[in-house]
Amino acid sequence: MVRFVPPLLVLAVFGAATTARANPEPPYAYDARVAGMGGAASAVTENATGLFHNPAQLDAIERFSVTAVITSLLVNLRAPFAGPGSEQDSGIQYAPLLFVGGVGRVHERVTLGLGAYVYTGFGGGYRTVDCIAYDDPTVCDDPDYPGRLEPAQSQEVALFIAEAALPVQVTVTKWLSVGVTLRMPWGRQTVTATQETTNGNENTLFFGRATQQISGFGIPGVLLGVSVRPPQVEGLTLALAYRSKVWVDMEGTTEAQLGLIGGEPRTLEVPTTTRWYVPHMVRVGVAYRTWHDRLTISGDFKVQFHEEANQAQVFGLDSPFTPDTKAQFDWRNAMVGALGLEIYARPRFPLRVGVSMARSASNPDTLTPFSPPPGIQYGVYGGFGIDVDPIDIDLAAGWGGGPAYQRSDAAPLCTPVDPSRVEGRSSSRTVTTSGGCPGSYDVDSWFISFSATYSM
């Protein structure tokens, strides 16, 4: 008789696409003008992208303006899959970030608009992973170790979160403008990766392939903005923006190998649900325009409140044989500062430069191969524009990265599945995924941004 042993399925990679989840948010979205200035946008943007950065800035639109932006983000990750010495590069991963929006003046004091943009876009992973372990890479030399992948397998993640946006801006006085953007999110995530399983009473570790596809809509949120232009200081703009927390409820299916049943690997398709949070955000900005409007200096500081929103992500798996899975993040608040400069050396041909510095939200104890490393990340940017009324064309490029993070010891979650990672009993079990394994973690990113604005 074949004895069926309910396995303990741990979908360890399904909460792992943290690079795609804006930790921290890239300063170069959107548009190419502010991207070339390091992302110091909240007091500078003067077209429809204000609905994303600071809707109070939409008072700069005279009659009507429409903007389209495409940003090509290239990312290379480096991380271990089997402990120190097993680090490998992901290879260049491509993430398109798109924006299209239009804003029109309906009253001398009021503008209305409509826009849509990709808030987060990421697709790719590690293509040739040949062993998955924890803190000891020497186990990969054992031909009987179940984490040896022969042939090597890819670990692929794709995440797409978009928002539709409806902005309203009101000019209160000549020096005060306020605005609000209603945001409506939608998300989709697909994963094809190798996951860990224990075969119940046999207590043996097994690694099998799993595929997940989930999508869904989120609750609406708002972006509030205020811009102040003190009449005492000509050319000065002070800006404040607040983005409310929203969440995206996604559902779909997970198809995973169960492990060995009767000596043969079996698969199971499980209905799956999860919720992802986009955290509260506050940003302040300042811009000063001088030299007959030929020179603009801008600065921004932004805080993303991940500590309140992104402590963990739970994947509900609707099957008596598969417990829910929890990806533990324990993220900190991310902070981003940016400085930018724009100069018209010649009429209609602006040149731009910018720098940024950010603190990652990642926690060293929950790192995965898809996590940006903890610590400080830097960015350098440059760009130029061509102003040919009624069309403005802008182009920007830049690099972001920082020192690799070296972890020498194993965090408590860097273990095979054991009772310490299981909460609850029977059908109400929740298993926490592994993380915080030793090794070197690094990320480098490059981008090219192009935008076109038509105004009348």
Foldseek 3Di string as FASTA:
>chain_A
DFDAFQKEWAPQCPVPQVVQVPQPPQLPPDDQVCNQFRNLPQFPDQAFCCLVRFLLNPLNADFKKKKKKKKKKWKKKWDAQAAAPRIDIQHIWIWIKIKIKMKGDPDNFKIKIKMKIWRGWTKGFHAFAQFGAFHDNVVLVDPPQQRGHVRGGTKIKIKTKMWIKIKMKGDPDPFKIKMKIKIKMKMKMKIWHWTWMARHPVRDIHIKIKIDIKIFIKDIWMKIKMWGDDPVAPQKIKMKIKTAKMKTKIKDWMKIWRPAGSHDIDIDIWIKIKMAMQFIKMKIKMWGADPVRFKIKMKMKMKGACQVGPQKIWMCTPDLSYEIEIQGFNWHIKMKIKIKMWGCPDPQKIKMKMKMKMAGRGDLQRHDSSDADGDMKMKIKIWMWGDDPQKIKIKMKMKMWDDKDFDDAHHPQRHHDDPVQWDDDGRHIYGYHGGNGGYIIIMMMMMMMIMMMGGD
